[in-house]
Protein backbone atom coordinates (compact mmCIF):
# COMPACT_ATOMS: atom_id res chain seq x y z
CA UNK A 1 -75.25 -222.65 -47.23
CA UNK A 2 -73.69 -221.56 -50.46
CA UNK A 3 -70.02 -220.64 -50.38
CA UNK A 4 -69.45 -216.87 -50.31
CA UNK A 5 -67.85 -215.67 -53.49
CA UNK A 6 -64.81 -213.43 -53.44
CA UNK A 7 -66.26 -211.09 -55.97
CA UNK A 8 -69.63 -209.65 -56.88
CA UNK A 9 -71.58 -210.80 -59.86
CA UNK A 10 -73.77 -208.26 -61.58
CA UNK A 11 -76.17 -209.14 -64.35
CA UNK A 12 -75.98 -206.69 -67.26
CA UNK A 13 -78.26 -208.08 -69.96
CA UNK A 14 -76.03 -211.05 -70.50
CA UNK A 15 -73.27 -213.04 -68.80
CA UNK A 16 -72.28 -211.96 -65.28
CA UNK A 17 -69.58 -209.26 -65.02
CA UNK A 18 -67.15 -209.67 -62.12
CA UNK A 19 -66.14 -206.59 -60.14
CA UNK A 20 -63.19 -206.97 -57.79
CA UNK A 21 -63.70 -205.88 -54.19
CA UNK A 22 -60.16 -204.59 -53.98
CA UNK A 23 -59.72 -201.01 -55.28
CA UNK A 24 -57.50 -200.14 -58.22
CA UNK A 25 -53.88 -199.54 -57.22
CA UNK A 26 -52.01 -196.48 -58.48
CA UNK A 27 -49.40 -198.69 -60.11
CA UNK A 28 -52.11 -200.43 -62.15
CA UNK A 29 -52.80 -197.29 -64.18
CA UNK A 30 -51.61 -197.13 -67.80
CA UNK A 31 -48.05 -195.91 -68.25
CA UNK A 32 -49.05 -192.74 -70.07
CA UNK A 33 -51.18 -191.69 -67.08
CA UNK A 34 -48.39 -192.53 -64.63
CA UNK A 35 -45.96 -190.49 -66.72
CA UNK A 36 -48.39 -187.58 -66.63
CA UNK A 37 -48.73 -187.81 -62.83
CA UNK A 38 -44.99 -187.99 -62.19
CA UNK A 39 -44.30 -185.12 -64.59
CA UNK A 40 -46.30 -182.81 -62.31
CA UNK A 41 -44.05 -183.49 -59.32
CA UNK A 42 -40.88 -181.48 -58.58
CA UNK A 43 -37.91 -183.27 -60.07
CA UNK A 44 -36.64 -184.20 -56.58
CA UNK A 45 -39.90 -185.95 -55.68
CA UNK A 46 -40.21 -187.54 -59.11
CA UNK A 47 -36.82 -189.24 -58.76
CA UNK A 48 -37.80 -190.55 -55.31
CA UNK A 49 -40.72 -192.50 -56.82
CA UNK A 50 -38.15 -194.92 -58.25
CA UNK A 51 -37.74 -196.34 -54.72
CA UNK A 52 -41.36 -197.50 -54.51
CA UNK A 53 -40.89 -200.70 -56.51
CA UNK A 54 -39.30 -202.18 -59.61
CA UNK A 55 -42.41 -201.12 -61.53
CA UNK A 56 -41.81 -197.48 -60.62
CA UNK A 57 -38.08 -197.61 -61.11
CA UNK A 58 -38.00 -196.08 -64.60
CA UNK A 59 -41.33 -194.26 -64.86
CA UNK A 60 -39.91 -190.84 -63.98
CA UNK A 61 -37.12 -191.27 -66.54
CA UNK A 62 -39.47 -190.39 -69.38
CA UNK A 63 -40.91 -187.18 -67.89
CA UNK A 64 -41.21 -184.49 -70.60
CA UNK A 65 -40.55 -181.52 -68.27
CA UNK A 66 -37.13 -181.14 -66.68
CA UNK A 67 -36.94 -178.16 -64.32
CA UNK A 68 -33.76 -177.70 -62.30
CA UNK A 69 -33.58 -174.93 -59.71
CA UNK A 70 -32.90 -174.42 -56.03
CA UNK A 71 -36.61 -174.86 -55.34
CA UNK A 72 -37.03 -178.07 -57.33
CA UNK A 73 -33.79 -179.76 -56.23
CA UNK A 74 -33.28 -178.63 -52.64
CA UNK A 75 -35.99 -176.43 -51.16
CA UNK A 76 -38.44 -177.83 -48.62
CA UNK A 77 -41.14 -175.73 -47.04
CA UNK A 78 -40.26 -174.83 -43.48
CA UNK A 79 -36.69 -176.09 -43.78
CA UNK A 80 -35.19 -172.63 -43.48
CA UNK A 81 -32.69 -173.36 -46.26
CA UNK A 82 -31.53 -170.48 -48.42
CA UNK A 83 -30.12 -170.52 -51.94
CA UNK A 84 -26.61 -170.10 -50.54
CA UNK A 85 -26.98 -173.47 -48.81
CA UNK A 86 -26.21 -175.30 -52.07
CA UNK A 87 -22.96 -174.78 -53.93
CA UNK A 88 -22.50 -174.71 -57.68
CA UNK A 89 -20.68 -178.04 -57.45
CA UNK A 90 -23.56 -179.78 -55.68
CA UNK A 91 -26.13 -178.29 -58.06
CA UNK A 92 -24.16 -179.47 -61.09
CA UNK A 93 -23.80 -182.96 -59.59
CA UNK A 94 -27.54 -183.28 -59.05
CA UNK A 95 -28.43 -182.09 -62.54
CA UNK A 96 -25.91 -184.49 -64.08
CA UNK A 97 -27.26 -187.39 -62.00
CA UNK A 98 -30.81 -186.80 -63.23
CA UNK A 99 -29.85 -186.33 -66.87
CA UNK A 100 -27.70 -189.48 -66.77
CA UNK A 101 -30.72 -191.59 -65.76
CA UNK A 102 -33.25 -189.88 -68.03
CA UNK A 103 -34.21 -191.71 -71.20
CA UNK A 104 -33.36 -188.66 -73.30
CA UNK A 105 -36.54 -189.05 -75.32
CA UNK A 106 -39.46 -186.69 -75.77
CA UNK A 107 -38.34 -183.74 -73.64
CA UNK A 108 -40.84 -180.93 -74.10
CA UNK A 109 -39.28 -178.40 -71.71
CA UNK A 110 -35.87 -178.14 -70.11
CA UNK A 111 -35.31 -175.35 -67.58
CA UNK A 112 -32.13 -174.67 -65.61
CA UNK A 113 -32.29 -171.70 -63.25
CA UNK A 114 -29.42 -171.14 -60.86
CA UNK A 115 -27.84 -167.71 -60.50
CA UNK A 116 -24.29 -168.71 -59.35
CA UNK A 117 -23.56 -170.39 -62.72
CA UNK A 118 -21.38 -168.48 -65.18
CA UNK A 119 -18.71 -169.02 -67.85
CA UNK A 120 -16.41 -170.87 -65.46
CA UNK A 121 -18.98 -173.69 -65.56
CA UNK A 122 -19.19 -173.71 -69.37
CA UNK A 123 -18.02 -177.33 -69.63
CA UNK A 124 -21.00 -178.56 -67.61
CA UNK A 125 -23.56 -176.20 -69.17
CA UNK A 126 -22.38 -177.18 -72.66
CA UNK A 127 -23.07 -180.79 -71.71
CA UNK A 128 -26.63 -179.84 -70.75
CA UNK A 129 -27.04 -178.09 -74.10
CA UNK A 130 -25.92 -181.28 -75.82
CA UNK A 131 -28.54 -183.22 -73.86
CA UNK A 132 -31.23 -180.74 -74.95
CA UNK A 133 -30.14 -181.18 -78.56
CA UNK A 134 -30.07 -185.00 -78.37
CA UNK A 135 -33.46 -185.18 -76.63
CA UNK A 136 -35.03 -182.83 -79.22
CA UNK A 137 -36.12 -180.37 -76.55
CA UNK A 138 -38.82 -177.98 -77.75
CA UNK A 139 -38.57 -175.34 -74.98
CA UNK A 140 -35.18 -174.39 -73.55
CA UNK A 141 -34.63 -172.04 -70.57
CA UNK A 142 -31.19 -171.16 -69.21
CA UNK A 143 -31.49 -168.52 -66.50
CA UNK A 144 -28.33 -167.66 -64.57
CA UNK A 145 -29.39 -164.20 -63.52
CA UNK A 146 -27.94 -163.11 -60.19
CA UNK A 147 -28.69 -160.09 -58.07
CA UNK A 148 -25.12 -158.81 -58.21
CA UNK A 149 -23.44 -160.46 -61.21
CA UNK A 150 -19.67 -160.06 -61.17
CA UNK A 151 -18.37 -163.08 -63.10
CA UNK A 152 -18.08 -163.41 -66.85
CA UNK A 153 -21.44 -164.65 -68.18
CA UNK A 154 -21.79 -167.99 -69.88
CA UNK A 155 -21.29 -167.76 -73.64
CA UNK A 156 -24.16 -169.55 -75.35
CA UNK A 157 -22.74 -172.21 -77.75
CA UNK A 158 -24.50 -171.60 -81.05
CA UNK A 159 -21.80 -173.75 -82.66
CA UNK A 160 -23.37 -176.89 -81.16
CA UNK A 161 -26.48 -176.46 -83.30
CA UNK A 162 -26.93 -177.26 -86.97
CA UNK A 163 -29.80 -177.22 -89.46
CA UNK A 164 -30.95 -180.69 -88.35
CA UNK A 165 -30.80 -180.60 -84.56
CA UNK A 166 -31.77 -176.94 -84.27
CA UNK A 167 -35.07 -177.47 -86.04
CA UNK A 168 -36.73 -178.99 -82.95
CA UNK A 169 -36.35 -175.90 -80.79
CA UNK A 170 -39.50 -173.74 -80.73
CA UNK A 171 -39.05 -171.60 -77.60
CA UNK A 172 -35.89 -170.26 -75.94
CA UNK A 173 -35.30 -168.01 -72.92
CA UNK A 174 -31.76 -166.95 -71.98
CA UNK A 175 -30.92 -165.04 -68.81
CA UNK A 176 -27.50 -163.58 -67.93
CA UNK A 177 -25.61 -165.15 -70.80
CA UNK A 178 -23.45 -163.74 -73.57
CA UNK A 179 -24.41 -163.93 -77.24
CA UNK A 180 -21.19 -163.33 -79.11
CA UNK A 181 -21.26 -163.57 -82.89
CA UNK A 182 -24.41 -165.73 -83.19
CA UNK A 183 -23.54 -166.76 -86.75
CA UNK A 184 -25.40 -170.07 -86.40
CA UNK A 185 -28.69 -168.57 -85.27
CA UNK A 186 -30.12 -169.36 -88.71
CA UNK A 187 -30.38 -173.03 -87.70
CA UNK A 188 -33.37 -172.24 -85.45
CA UNK A 189 -35.77 -172.42 -88.35
CA UNK A 190 -38.80 -173.24 -86.15
CA UNK A 191 -38.12 -170.87 -83.25
CA UNK A 192 -41.41 -169.12 -82.41
CA UNK A 193 -40.62 -167.55 -79.03
CA UNK A 194 -37.40 -165.84 -77.94
CA UNK A 195 -36.72 -164.06 -74.62
CA UNK A 196 -33.46 -162.38 -73.64
CA UNK A 197 -32.97 -161.11 -70.06
CA UNK A 198 -29.80 -159.34 -68.93
CA UNK A 199 -27.97 -160.65 -71.97
CA UNK A 200 -24.76 -159.27 -73.45
CA UNK A 201 -25.79 -158.60 -77.04
CA UNK A 202 -24.93 -155.74 -79.40
CA UNK A 203 -27.20 -154.06 -81.95
CA UNK A 204 -25.64 -155.96 -84.84
CA UNK A 205 -25.76 -159.30 -83.04
CA UNK A 206 -29.43 -158.84 -82.20
CA UNK A 207 -30.19 -157.75 -85.74
CA UNK A 208 -28.57 -160.94 -87.02
CA UNK A 209 -30.63 -163.06 -84.65
CA UNK A 210 -33.92 -161.46 -85.64
CA UNK A 211 -33.01 -161.61 -89.32
CA UNK A 212 -32.67 -165.39 -89.18
CA UNK A 213 -35.72 -166.17 -87.01
CA UNK A 214 -38.18 -166.41 -89.86
CA UNK A 215 -41.18 -167.76 -87.94
CA UNK A 216 -40.71 -165.85 -84.68
CA UNK A 217 -44.07 -164.92 -83.10
CA UNK A 218 -43.01 -163.50 -79.70
CA UNK A 219 -39.86 -161.57 -78.82
CA UNK A 220 -39.06 -160.24 -75.35
CA UNK A 221 -35.96 -158.33 -74.33
CA UNK A 222 -35.21 -156.98 -70.86
CA UNK A 223 -32.30 -155.37 -69.00
CA UNK A 224 -29.92 -155.66 -71.95
CA UNK A 225 -27.44 -152.91 -71.16
CA UNK A 226 -25.48 -152.93 -74.43
CA UNK A 227 -28.44 -152.41 -76.73
CA UNK A 228 -28.88 -148.90 -78.22
CA UNK A 229 -31.38 -149.54 -81.03
CA UNK A 230 -33.90 -152.18 -81.97
CA UNK A 231 -34.82 -152.59 -85.59
CA UNK A 232 -35.07 -155.31 -88.19
CA UNK A 233 -33.48 -155.22 -91.66
CA UNK A 234 -36.51 -156.84 -93.26
CA UNK A 235 -40.15 -157.60 -92.43
CA UNK A 236 -40.86 -160.33 -89.88
CA UNK A 237 -44.36 -161.22 -90.94
CA UNK A 238 -44.97 -163.79 -88.19
CA UNK A 239 -43.95 -161.61 -85.25
CA UNK A 240 -47.12 -160.52 -83.43
CA UNK A 241 -45.95 -159.62 -79.91
CA UNK A 242 -42.95 -157.57 -78.73
CA UNK A 243 -42.04 -156.87 -75.09
CA UNK A 244 -39.24 -154.42 -74.23
CA UNK A 245 -38.31 -153.61 -70.63
CA UNK A 246 -35.56 -151.62 -68.90
CA UNK A 247 -32.89 -151.38 -71.59
CA UNK A 248 -31.17 -148.19 -70.32
CA UNK A 249 -29.20 -147.30 -73.49
CA UNK A 250 -32.02 -148.03 -75.92
CA UNK A 251 -32.79 -144.90 -77.96
CA UNK A 252 -35.17 -145.97 -80.70
CA UNK A 253 -37.37 -148.86 -81.77
CA UNK A 254 -38.05 -149.26 -85.49
CA UNK A 255 -39.91 -152.37 -86.48
CA UNK A 256 -41.22 -153.04 -89.97
CA UNK A 257 -43.57 -155.96 -89.62
CA UNK A 258 -47.19 -156.79 -88.82
CA UNK A 259 -46.87 -156.36 -85.06
CA UNK A 260 -50.15 -156.51 -83.11
CA UNK A 261 -49.06 -156.19 -79.43
CA UNK A 262 -46.31 -154.01 -77.95
CA UNK A 263 -45.41 -153.79 -74.24
CA UNK A 264 -42.83 -151.15 -73.36
CA UNK A 265 -41.41 -150.31 -69.93
CA UNK A 266 -38.77 -147.68 -69.28
CA UNK A 267 -37.88 -144.13 -70.22
CA UNK A 268 -40.04 -142.98 -73.12
CA UNK A 269 -38.20 -143.10 -76.45
CA UNK A 270 -39.32 -142.71 -80.06
CA UNK A 271 -41.47 -145.68 -80.93
CA UNK A 272 -42.12 -146.41 -84.57
CA UNK A 273 -44.37 -149.46 -84.53
CA UNK A 274 -46.33 -150.39 -87.63
CA UNK A 275 -49.89 -149.25 -88.21
CA UNK A 276 -51.03 -152.85 -87.66
CA UNK A 277 -50.59 -152.44 -83.87
CA UNK A 278 -53.82 -153.18 -81.99
CA UNK A 279 -52.68 -153.52 -78.35
CA UNK A 280 -50.22 -151.16 -76.64
CA UNK A 281 -49.05 -151.22 -73.01
CA UNK A 282 -46.77 -148.45 -71.71
CA UNK A 283 -45.22 -148.36 -68.25
CA UNK A 284 -43.65 -144.95 -67.78
CA UNK A 285 -41.95 -143.07 -64.95
CA UNK A 286 -44.74 -140.53 -64.43
CA UNK A 287 -48.17 -139.55 -65.67
CA UNK A 288 -47.06 -136.22 -67.12
CA UNK A 289 -44.57 -137.55 -69.65
CA UNK A 290 -46.72 -140.55 -70.54
CA UNK A 291 -49.92 -138.61 -71.24
CA UNK A 292 -48.02 -136.00 -73.22
CA UNK A 293 -46.46 -138.75 -75.35
CA UNK A 294 -49.77 -140.54 -75.90
CA UNK A 295 -51.62 -137.46 -77.16
CA UNK A 296 -48.81 -136.01 -79.28
CA UNK A 297 -47.24 -139.11 -80.83
CA UNK A 298 -49.54 -142.11 -80.90
CA UNK A 299 -52.67 -141.07 -82.83
CA UNK A 300 -50.74 -140.31 -86.02
CA UNK A 301 -48.66 -143.50 -85.93
CA UNK A 302 -51.30 -145.89 -84.56
CA UNK A 303 -54.58 -145.10 -86.25
CA UNK A 304 -56.06 -148.55 -85.54
CA UNK A 305 -55.16 -148.94 -81.86
CA UNK A 306 -57.90 -150.93 -80.08
CA UNK A 307 -56.52 -151.43 -76.53
CA UNK A 308 -54.31 -149.09 -74.53
CA UNK A 309 -52.85 -149.84 -71.10
CA UNK A 310 -51.09 -147.11 -69.11
CA UNK A 311 -49.09 -147.96 -65.97
CA UNK A 312 -47.26 -145.19 -64.15
CA UNK A 313 -46.69 -143.55 -60.76
CA UNK A 314 -47.74 -140.00 -59.99
CA UNK A 315 -44.66 -137.78 -59.83
CA UNK A 316 -45.91 -134.53 -61.38
CA UNK A 317 -49.21 -132.87 -62.09
CA UNK A 318 -50.51 -133.98 -65.48
CA UNK A 319 -51.15 -131.15 -67.95
CA UNK A 320 -53.98 -132.46 -70.07
CA UNK A 321 -54.87 -131.30 -73.57
CA UNK A 322 -58.05 -129.23 -73.94
CA UNK A 323 -58.67 -130.61 -77.43
CA UNK A 324 -57.32 -134.17 -77.43
CA UNK A 325 -56.70 -135.95 -80.69
CA UNK A 326 -59.15 -138.77 -81.34
CA UNK A 327 -58.49 -142.50 -81.06
CA UNK A 328 -61.35 -143.58 -83.28
CA UNK A 329 -60.64 -147.31 -83.03
CA UNK A 330 -59.87 -147.50 -79.30
CA UNK A 331 -62.31 -149.86 -77.57
CA UNK A 332 -60.52 -150.77 -74.31
CA UNK A 333 -58.63 -148.44 -71.96
CA UNK A 334 -56.88 -149.68 -68.82
CA UNK A 335 -55.30 -147.19 -66.39
CA UNK A 336 -53.03 -148.50 -63.63
CA UNK A 337 -52.00 -145.55 -61.45
CA UNK A 338 -49.78 -145.43 -58.38
CA UNK A 339 -50.52 -142.52 -55.99
CA UNK A 340 -47.92 -142.02 -53.28
CA UNK A 341 -50.51 -140.61 -50.88
CA UNK A 342 -54.15 -139.56 -51.00
CA UNK A 343 -53.41 -136.37 -49.07
CA UNK A 344 -50.42 -135.37 -51.17
CA UNK A 345 -51.70 -136.51 -54.53
CA UNK A 346 -51.27 -134.15 -57.47
CA UNK A 347 -53.46 -135.83 -60.06
CA UNK A 348 -57.11 -136.66 -59.57
CA UNK A 349 -58.48 -139.68 -61.39
CA UNK A 350 -61.21 -137.46 -62.85
CA UNK A 351 -58.52 -135.33 -64.49
CA UNK A 352 -58.02 -138.23 -66.86
CA UNK A 353 -61.50 -137.83 -68.32
CA UNK A 354 -59.85 -136.47 -71.44
CA UNK A 355 -59.34 -140.09 -72.45
CA UNK A 356 -63.11 -140.45 -72.67
CA UNK A 357 -63.36 -137.47 -74.98
CA UNK A 358 -60.47 -138.74 -77.10
CA UNK A 359 -62.04 -142.20 -77.47
CA UNK A 360 -65.66 -141.70 -78.55
CA UNK A 361 -66.19 -145.41 -79.33
CA UNK A 362 -64.61 -146.88 -76.20
CA UNK A 363 -66.50 -149.84 -74.74
CA UNK A 364 -64.39 -150.89 -71.72
CA UNK A 365 -62.75 -148.64 -69.12
CA UNK A 366 -60.64 -150.03 -66.25
CA UNK A 367 -59.12 -147.82 -63.56
CA UNK A 368 -56.80 -149.49 -61.03
CA UNK A 369 -55.39 -147.25 -58.28
CA UNK A 370 -52.59 -148.19 -55.90
CA UNK A 371 -52.34 -145.85 -52.91
CA UNK A 372 -49.64 -146.57 -50.33
CA UNK A 373 -49.55 -150.19 -51.48
CA UNK A 374 -53.33 -150.65 -51.22
CA UNK A 375 -54.93 -151.54 -54.53
CA UNK A 376 -58.47 -150.51 -55.47
């Protein structure tokens, strides 16, 4: 009897090809695939893969996405742990331990989100900024927003950047920090996306930032309580999308560039967007003020508006115009209405039929109604 072979031989129009009975092991995959797999794990689990074997010891150290938060460093489903279960000291230690072992090469995104951090921890946060600079991070997120902030916010260190190392940064989101005298903002020559949330920034400081972001495509600003006006001293030809939300002292928005999308949430104020605007989303406090604003202000300033989204609760009966001004270019209308109660409602959805008359060439109509928390 012939000796049984340890592998199969399959004839494929030529010499036999051997196929191993044993399946392919995960560690046998190419390094780029292993790096991709590990990069999808939370940072806590990714670091633990180093204990599998010597082969796995350094694989996680080249992950391109570094996300540090309570959820990624501590949280386990069903553990019952809360954010208060980890102190600032422990959080800082764990971030430092990971960054010390990381290769510092090819970081695409670095995100640090932990609300207890503030200016008292500037020495440690500055060190993380230096790591982001050295690793040529493309997307940087520092979010220290707390529910009841009482400490002095971290002052973002623009002085650490220069024309060479600042050129790698393409996206930046800052939450609950201070931007004092950002004289070096001009080093971010390739910054395409900028988001500011609950940031201490004055009108002049913001104007300086926008003036020096020459290729900015998206700008979002939210809950900035020092801001009173938003305008640019010169055209920003690359900026296509602007999102403004809950800036209580903001009185006017004047933007002189080729903006295409504007999302605004808060008390209605004079908006002076360019005629290039195609997509507008307004979230107002009530239907009455929002509809009145739309039919008295927008048609003259936005002759080429193609999509309009209206989100608002019902607080007062809407007085609708009998002869609405026309939106000749409007193709898509989306209404998101919040009725407190069906029995006590003041506005009927059919009352809003004036939008149909005002938009003779509309192709898409969406009506989303939320009544007592039930969406339809």
